Amino acid sequence: QLDRERWPELRRRLAETFRTRTRD
């Protein structure tokens, strides 16, 4: 969680997952 060097990698994975469902 706190590995700043790999934050871009973590962000991409979270973004991909959130894109699979609607907001509601």
PDB file of all heavy atoms in Angstrom:
ATOM      1  N   GLN A   1       0.814  -1.220   0.000  1.00  0.00           N
ATOM      2  CA  GLN A   1       0.000   0.000   0.000  1.00  0.00           C
ATOM      3  C   GLN A   1       0.846   1.267   0.000  1.00  0.00           C
ATOM      4  O   GLN A   1       0.520   2.233  -0.693  1.00  0.00           O
ATOM      5  CB  GLN A   1      -0.927   0.013   1.217  1.00  0.00           C
ATOM      6  CG  GLN A   1      -1.826   1.264   1.282  1.00  0.00           C
ATOM      7  CD  GLN A   1      -2.684   1.318   2.535  1.00  0.00           C
ATOM      8  OE1 GLN A   1      -2.538   0.477   3.419  1.00  0.00           O
ATOM      9  NE2 GLN A   1      -3.580   2.288   2.616  1.00  0.00           N
ATOM     10  N   LEU A   2       1.910   1.311   0.728  1.00  0.00           N
ATOM     11  CA  LEU A   2       2.705   2.527   0.877  1.00  0.00           C
ATOM     12  C   LEU A   2       3.983   2.515   0.041  1.00  0.00           C
ATOM     13  O   LEU A   2       4.871   3.348   0.260  1.00  0.00           O
ATOM     14  CB  LEU A   2       3.049   2.745   2.348  1.00  0.00           C
ATOM     15  CG  LEU A   2       1.840   2.917   3.288  1.00  0.00           C
ATOM     16  CD1 LEU A   2       2.297   3.148   4.707  1.00  0.00           C
ATOM     17  CD2 LEU A   2       0.947   4.062   2.810  1.00  0.00           C
ATOM     18  N   ASP A   3       4.048   1.635  -0.946  1.00  0.00           N
ATOM     19  CA  ASP A   3       5.203   1.596  -1.844  1.00  0.00           C
ATOM     20  C   ASP A   3       4.992   2.609  -2.961  1.00  0.00           C
ATOM     21  O   ASP A   3       4.407   2.321  -4.003  1.00  0.00           O
ATOM     22  CB  ASP A   3       5.366   0.184  -2.423  1.00  0.00           C
ATOM     23  CG  ASP A   3       6.615   0.042  -3.287  1.00  0.00           C
ATOM     24  OD1 ASP A   3       7.277   1.071  -3.561  1.00  0.00           O
ATOM     25  OD2 ASP A   3       6.923  -1.096  -3.702  1.00  0.00           O
ATOM     26  N   ARG A   4       5.447   3.828  -2.722  1.00  0.00           N
ATOM     27  CA  ARG A   4       5.186   4.929  -3.654  1.00  0.00           C
ATOM     28  C   ARG A   4       5.733   4.660  -5.054  1.00  0.00           C
ATOM     29  O   ARG A   4       5.158   5.111  -6.045  1.00  0.00           O
ATOM     30  CB  ARG A   4       5.772   6.239  -3.111  1.00  0.00           C
ATOM     31  CG  ARG A   4       5.030   6.783  -1.890  1.00  0.00           C
ATOM     32  CD  ARG A   4       5.730   8.002  -1.299  1.00  0.00           C
ATOM     33  NE  ARG A   4       5.003   8.533  -0.151  1.00  0.00           N
ATOM     34  CZ  ARG A   4       4.193   9.592  -0.204  1.00  0.00           C
ATOM     35  NH1 ARG A   4       4.014  10.230  -1.349  1.00  0.00           N
ATOM     36  NH2 ARG A   4       3.568  10.023   0.881  1.00  0.00           N
ATOM     37  N   GLU A   5       6.840   3.953  -5.139  1.00  0.00           N
ATOM     38  CA  GLU A   5       7.431   3.682  -6.447  1.00  0.00           C
ATOM     39  C   GLU A   5       6.487   2.849  -7.313  1.00  0.00           C
ATOM     40  O   GLU A   5       6.522   2.942  -8.548  1.00  0.00           O
ATOM     41  CB  GLU A   5       8.763   2.940  -6.272  1.00  0.00           C
ATOM     42  CG  GLU A   5       9.850   3.767  -5.585  1.00  0.00           C
ATOM     43  CD  GLU A   5      10.192   5.016  -6.377  1.00  0.00           C
ATOM     44  OE1 GLU A   5      10.252   4.923  -7.629  1.00  0.00           O
ATOM     45  OE2 GLU A   5      10.379   6.083  -5.754  1.00  0.00           O
ATOM     46  N   ARG A   6       5.643   2.056  -6.690  1.00  0.00           N
ATOM     47  CA  ARG A   6       4.750   1.177  -7.446  1.00  0.00           C
ATOM     48  C   ARG A   6       3.289   1.646  -7.419  1.00  0.00           C
ATOM     49  O   ARG A   6       2.401   0.906  -7.823  1.00  0.00           O
ATOM     50  CB  ARG A   6       4.867  -0.257  -6.905  1.00  0.00           C
ATOM     51  CG  ARG A   6       6.264  -0.839  -7.065  1.00  0.00           C
ATOM     52  CD  ARG A   6       6.317  -2.284  -6.587  1.00  0.00           C
ATOM     53  NE  ARG A   6       5.492  -3.158  -7.437  1.00  0.00           N
ATOM     54  CZ  ARG A   6       5.212  -4.426  -7.136  1.00  0.00           C
ATOM     55  NH1 ARG A   6       5.689  -4.955  -6.009  1.00  0.00           N
ATOM     56  NH2 ARG A   6       4.470  -5.167  -7.940  1.00  0.00           N
ATOM     57  N   TRP A   7       3.081   2.873  -6.932  1.00  0.00           N
ATOM     58  CA  TRP A   7       1.715   3.411  -6.935  1.00  0.00           C
ATOM     59  C   TRP A   7       1.089   3.426  -8.334  1.00  0.00           C
ATOM     60  O   TRP A   7      -0.099   3.113  -8.477  1.00  0.00           O
ATOM     61  CB  TRP A   7       1.695   4.807  -6.329  1.00  0.00           C
ATOM     62  CG  TRP A   7       1.537   4.790  -4.827  1.00  0.00           C
ATOM     63  CD1 TRP A   7       1.397   3.694  -4.023  1.00  0.00           C
ATOM     64  CD2 TRP A   7       1.481   5.932  -3.966  1.00  0.00           C
ATOM     65  NE1 TRP A   7       1.261   4.071  -2.709  1.00  0.00           N
ATOM     66  CE2 TRP A   7       1.308   5.441  -2.635  1.00  0.00           C
ATOM     67  CE3 TRP A   7       1.571   7.310  -4.162  1.00  0.00           C
ATOM     68  CZ2 TRP A   7       1.212   6.290  -1.529  1.00  0.00           C
ATOM     69  CZ3 TRP A   7       1.474   8.158  -3.068  1.00  0.00           C
ATOM     70  CH2 TRP A   7       1.298   7.655  -1.766  1.00  0.00           C
ATOM     71  N   PRO A   8       1.826   3.796  -9.396  1.00  0.00           N
ATOM     72  CA  PRO A   8       1.208   3.769 -10.728  1.00  0.00           C
ATOM     73  C   PRO A   8       0.672   2.382 -11.104  1.00  0.00           C
ATOM     74  O   PRO A   8      -0.400   2.269 -11.709  1.00  0.00           O
ATOM     75  CB  PRO A   8       2.355   4.196 -11.654  1.00  0.00           C
ATOM     76  CG  PRO A   8       3.230   5.043 -10.790  1.00  0.00           C
ATOM     77  CD  PRO A   8       3.183   4.384  -9.447  1.00  0.00           C
ATOM     78  N   GLU A   9       1.391   1.346 -10.725  1.00  0.00           N
ATOM     79  CA  GLU A   9       0.945  -0.020 -11.010  1.00  0.00           C
ATOM     80  C   GLU A   9      -0.346  -0.334 -10.238  1.00  0.00           C
ATOM     81  O   GLU A   9      -1.293  -0.914 -10.791  1.00  0.00           O
ATOM     82  CB  GLU A   9       2.062  -0.990 -10.605  1.00  0.00           C
ATOM     83  CG  GLU A   9       1.729  -2.454 -10.820  1.00  0.00           C
ATOM     84  CD  GLU A   9       2.833  -3.364 -10.291  1.00  0.00           C
ATOM     85  OE1 GLU A   9       3.966  -2.872 -10.051  1.00  0.00           O
ATOM     86  OE2 GLU A   9       2.549  -4.567 -10.103  1.00  0.00           O
ATOM     87  N   LEU A  10      -0.373   0.042  -8.970  1.00  0.00           N
ATOM     88  CA  LEU A  10      -1.568  -0.199  -8.149  1.00  0.00           C
ATOM     89  C   LEU A  10      -2.764   0.587  -8.689  1.00  0.00           C
ATOM     90  O   LEU A  10      -3.887   0.074  -8.757  1.00  0.00           O
ATOM     91  CB  LEU A  10      -1.280   0.185  -6.697  1.00  0.00           C
ATOM     92  CG  LEU A  10      -2.435   0.056  -5.706  1.00  0.00           C
ATOM     93  CD1 LEU A  10      -2.949  -1.379  -5.655  1.00  0.00           C
ATOM     94  CD2 LEU A  10      -1.988   0.521  -4.306  1.00  0.00           C
ATOM     95  N   ARG A  11      -2.523   1.824  -9.103  1.00  0.00           N
ATOM     96  CA  ARG A  11      -3.605   2.653  -9.627  1.00  0.00           C
ATOM     97  C   ARG A  11      -4.217   2.030 -10.883  1.00  0.00           C
ATOM     98  O   ARG A  11      -5.436   2.031 -11.067  1.00  0.00           O
ATOM     99  CB  ARG A  11      -3.090   4.061  -9.936  1.00  0.00           C
ATOM    100  CG  ARG A  11      -4.197   5.047 -10.354  1.00  0.00           C
ATOM    101  CD  ARG A  11      -3.617   6.387 -10.787  1.00  0.00           C
ATOM    102  NE  ARG A  11      -2.716   6.905  -9.778  1.00  0.00           N
ATOM    103  CZ  ARG A  11      -3.113   7.553  -8.682  1.00  0.00           C
ATOM    104  NH1 ARG A  11      -4.407   7.733  -8.458  1.00  0.00           N
ATOM    105  NH2 ARG A  11      -2.228   8.008  -7.818  1.00  0.00           N
ATOM    106  N   ARG A  12      -3.369   1.529 -11.772  1.00  0.00           N
ATOM    107  CA  ARG A  12      -3.879   0.912 -12.998  1.00  0.00           C
ATOM    108  C   ARG A  12      -4.784  -0.278 -12.673  1.00  0.00           C
ATOM    109  O   ARG A  12      -5.834  -0.449 -13.287  1.00  0.00           O
ATOM    110  CB  ARG A  12      -2.711   0.453 -13.883  1.00  0.00           C
ATOM    111  CG  ARG A  12      -2.038   1.574 -14.642  1.00  0.00           C
ATOM    112  CD  ARG A  12      -1.124   1.034 -15.731  1.00  0.00           C
ATOM    113  NE  ARG A  12      -0.045   0.209 -15.187  1.00  0.00           N
ATOM    114  CZ  ARG A  12       1.131   0.689 -14.787  1.00  0.00           C
ATOM    115  NH1 ARG A  12       1.370   1.991 -14.868  1.00  0.00           N
ATOM    116  NH2 ARG A  12       2.068  -0.124 -14.322  1.00  0.00           N
ATOM    117  N   ARG A  13      -4.388  -1.066 -11.687  1.00  0.00           N
ATOM    118  CA  ARG A  13      -5.197  -2.239 -11.343  1.00  0.00           C
ATOM    119  C   ARG A  13      -6.538  -1.838 -10.734  1.00  0.00           C
ATOM    120  O   ARG A  13      -7.585  -2.420 -11.047  1.00  0.00           O
ATOM    121  CB  ARG A  13      -4.420  -3.123 -10.360  1.00  0.00           C
ATOM    122  CG  ARG A  13      -5.042  -4.487 -10.192  1.00  0.00           C
ATOM    123  CD  ARG A  13      -4.876  -5.328 -11.457  1.00  0.00           C
ATOM    124  NE  ARG A  13      -5.634  -6.579 -11.372  1.00  0.00           N
ATOM    125  CZ  ARG A  13      -6.870  -6.743 -11.860  1.00  0.00           C
ATOM    126  NH1 ARG A  13      -7.485  -5.731 -12.484  1.00  0.00           N
ATOM    127  NH2 ARG A  13      -7.476  -7.906 -11.759  1.00  0.00           N
ATOM    128  N   LEU A  14      -6.522  -0.819  -9.874  1.00  0.00           N
ATOM    129  CA  LEU A  14      -7.775  -0.337  -9.294  1.00  0.00           C
ATOM    130  C   LEU A  14      -8.675   0.261 -10.370  1.00  0.00           C
ATOM    131  O   LEU A  14      -9.891   0.018 -10.394  1.00  0.00           O
ATOM    132  CB  LEU A  14      -7.491   0.701  -8.202  1.00  0.00           C
ATOM    133  CG  LEU A  14      -6.732   0.220  -6.959  1.00  0.00           C
ATOM    134  CD1 LEU A  14      -6.544   1.368  -5.985  1.00  0.00           C
ATOM    135  CD2 LEU A  14      -7.450  -0.929  -6.279  1.00  0.00           C
ATOM    136  N   ALA A  15      -8.093   1.028 -11.265  1.00  0.00           N
ATOM    137  CA  ALA A  15      -8.879   1.663 -12.327  1.00  0.00           C
ATOM    138  C   ALA A  15      -9.522   0.621 -13.230  1.00  0.00           C
ATOM    139  O   ALA A  15     -10.699   0.750 -13.612  1.00  0.00           O
ATOM    140  CB  ALA A  15      -7.989   2.608 -13.133  1.00  0.00           C
ATOM    141  N   GLU A  16      -8.782  -0.411 -13.593  1.00  0.00           N
ATOM    142  CA  GLU A  16      -9.337  -1.482 -14.437  1.00  0.00           C
ATOM    143  C   GLU A  16     -10.529  -2.157 -13.761  1.00  0.00           C
ATOM    144  O   GLU A  16     -11.542  -2.449 -14.394  1.00  0.00           O
ATOM    145  CB  GLU A  16      -8.257  -2.522 -14.721  1.00  0.00           C
ATOM    146  CG  GLU A  16      -7.140  -2.040 -15.632  1.00  0.00           C
ATOM    147  CD  GLU A  16      -5.959  -3.022 -15.656  1.00  0.00           C
ATOM    148  OE1 GLU A  16      -5.999  -4.031 -14.918  1.00  0.00           O
ATOM    149  OE2 GLU A  16      -5.000  -2.754 -16.396  1.00  0.00           O
ATOM    150  N   THR A  17     -10.401  -2.371 -12.478  1.00  0.00           N
ATOM    151  CA  THR A  17     -11.463  -3.073 -11.756  1.00  0.00           C
ATOM    152  C   THR A  17     -12.709  -2.205 -11.622  1.00  0.00           C
ATOM    153  O   THR A  17     -13.835  -2.678 -11.829  1.00  0.00           O
ATOM    154  CB  THR A  17     -10.962  -3.506 -10.372  1.00  0.00           C
ATOM    155  OG1 THR A  17      -9.758  -4.264 -10.528  1.00  0.00           O
ATOM    156  CG2 THR A  17     -12.003  -4.355  -9.665  1.00  0.00           C
ATOM    157  N   PHE A  18     -12.525  -0.946 -11.266  1.00  0.00           N
ATOM    158  CA  PHE A  18     -13.688  -0.063 -11.114  1.00  0.00           C
ATOM    159  C   PHE A  18     -14.438   0.126 -12.439  1.00  0.00           C
ATOM    160  O   PHE A  18     -15.634   0.389 -12.451  1.00  0.00           O
ATOM    161  CB  PHE A  18     -13.265   1.289 -10.535  1.00  0.00           C
ATOM    162  CG  PHE A  18     -13.182   1.296  -9.036  1.00  0.00           C
ATOM    163  CD1 PHE A  18     -11.968   1.496  -8.396  1.00  0.00           C
ATOM    164  CD2 PHE A  18     -14.316   1.090  -8.265  1.00  0.00           C
ATOM    165  CE1 PHE A  18     -11.883   1.500  -7.003  1.00  0.00           C
ATOM    166  CE2 PHE A  18     -14.247   1.086  -6.880  1.00  0.00           C
ATOM    167  CZ  PHE A  18     -13.030   1.289  -6.245  1.00  0.00           C
ATOM    168  N   ARG A  19     -13.740  -0.042 -13.539  1.00  0.00           N
ATOM    169  CA  ARG A  19     -14.372   0.104 -14.854  1.00  0.00           C
ATOM    170  C   ARG A  19     -15.324  -1.054 -15.188  1.00  0.00           C
ATOM    171  O   ARG A  19     -16.043  -0.996 -16.174  1.00  0.00           O
ATOM    172  CB  ARG A  19     -13.297   0.196 -15.936  1.00  0.00           C
ATOM    173  CG  ARG A  19     -12.715   1.584 -16.139  1.00  0.00           C
ATOM    174  CD  ARG A  19     -13.694   2.496 -16.838  1.00  0.00           C
ATOM    175  NE  ARG A  19     -13.047   3.656 -17.434  1.00  0.00           N
ATOM    176  CZ  ARG A  19     -13.681   4.578 -18.134  1.00  0.00           C
ATOM    177  NH1 ARG A  19     -14.991   4.456 -18.349  1.00  0.00           N
ATOM    178  NH2 ARG A  19     -13.045   5.601 -18.641  1.00  0.00           N
ATOM    179  N   THR A  20     -15.345  -2.090 -14.371  1.00  0.00           N
ATOM    180  CA  THR A  20     -16.150  -3.262 -14.705  1.00  0.00           C
ATOM    181  C   THR A  20     -17.600  -3.144 -14.241  1.00  0.00           C
ATOM    182  O   THR A  20     -18.435  -3.978 -14.607  1.00  0.00           O
ATOM    183  CB  THR A  20     -15.539  -4.534 -14.094  1.00  0.00           C
ATOM    184  OG1 THR A  20     -15.547  -4.420 -12.658  1.00  0.00           O
ATOM    185  CG2 THR A  20     -14.114  -4.738 -14.585  1.00  0.00           C
ATOM    186  N   ARG A  21     -17.923  -2.164 -13.405  1.00  0.00           N
ATOM    187  CA  ARG A  21     -19.296  -1.980 -12.943  1.00  0.00           C
ATOM    188  C   ARG A  21     -19.668  -0.506 -12.976  1.00  0.00           C
ATOM    189  O   ARG A  21     -18.799   0.363 -13.073  1.00  0.00           O
ATOM    190  CB  ARG A  21     -19.472  -2.506 -11.504  1.00  0.00           C
ATOM    191  CG  ARG A  21     -19.140  -3.973 -11.312  1.00  0.00           C
ATOM    192  CD  ARG A  21     -19.530  -4.433  -9.919  1.00  0.00           C
ATOM    193  NE  ARG A  21     -19.040  -5.773  -9.626  1.00  0.00           N
ATOM    194  CZ  ARG A  21     -19.344  -6.444  -8.531  1.00  0.00           C
ATOM    195  NH1 ARG A  21     -20.134  -5.907  -7.603  1.00  0.00           N
ATOM    196  NH2 ARG A  21     -18.861  -7.676  -8.334  1.00  0.00           N
ATOM    197  N   THR A  22     -20.961  -0.251 -12.877  1.00  0.00           N
ATOM    198  CA  THR A  22     -21.422   1.141 -12.847  1.00  0.00           C
ATOM    199  C   THR A  22     -21.200   1.739 -11.471  1.00  0.00           C
ATOM    200  O   THR A  22     -20.962   1.020 -10.481  1.00  0.00           O
ATOM    201  CB  THR A  22     -22.924   1.242 -13.189  1.00  0.00           C
ATOM    202  OG1 THR A  22     -23.679   0.642 -12.126  1.00  0.00           O
ATOM    203  CG2 THR A  22     -23.235   0.565 -14.505  1.00  0.00           C
ATOM    204  N   ARG A  23     -21.314   3.027 -11.395  1.00  0.00           N
ATOM    205  CA  ARG A  23     -21.161   3.733 -10.113  1.00  0.00           C
ATOM    206  C   ARG A  23     -22.135   3.185  -9.067  1.00  0.00           C
ATOM    207  O   ARG A  23     -21.749   2.887  -7.923  1.00  0.00           O
ATOM    208  CB  ARG A  23     -21.401   5.225 -10.317  1.00  0.00           C
ATOM    209  CG  ARG A  23     -21.281   6.061  -9.047  1.00  0.00           C
ATOM    210  CD  ARG A  23     -21.885   7.433  -9.219  1.00  0.00           C
ATOM    211  NE  ARG A  23     -23.350   7.358  -9.330  1.00  0.00           N
ATOM    212  CZ  ARG A  23     -24.136   8.421  -9.512  1.00  0.00           C
ATOM    213  NH1 ARG A  23     -23.595   9.626  -9.629  1.00  0.00           N
ATOM    214  NH2 ARG A  23     -25.450   8.284  -9.594  1.00  0.00           N
ATOM    215  N   ASP A  24     -23.408   3.093  -9.428  1.00  0.00           N
ATOM    216  CA  ASP A  24     -24.407   2.678  -8.450  1.00  0.00           C
ATOM    217  C   ASP A  24     -24.262   1.203  -8.084  1.00  0.00           C
ATOM    218  O   ASP A  24     -24.580   0.802  -6.953  1.00  0.00           O
ATOM    219  CB  ASP A  24     -25.814   2.962  -8.983  1.00  0.00           C
ATOM    220  CG  ASP A  24     -26.085   4.461  -9.112  1.00  0.00           C
ATOM    221  OD1 ASP A  24     -25.315   5.252  -8.523  1.00  0.00           O
ATOM    222  OD2 ASP A  24     -27.058   4.831  -9.797  1.00  0.00           O
TER     223      ASP A  24
END
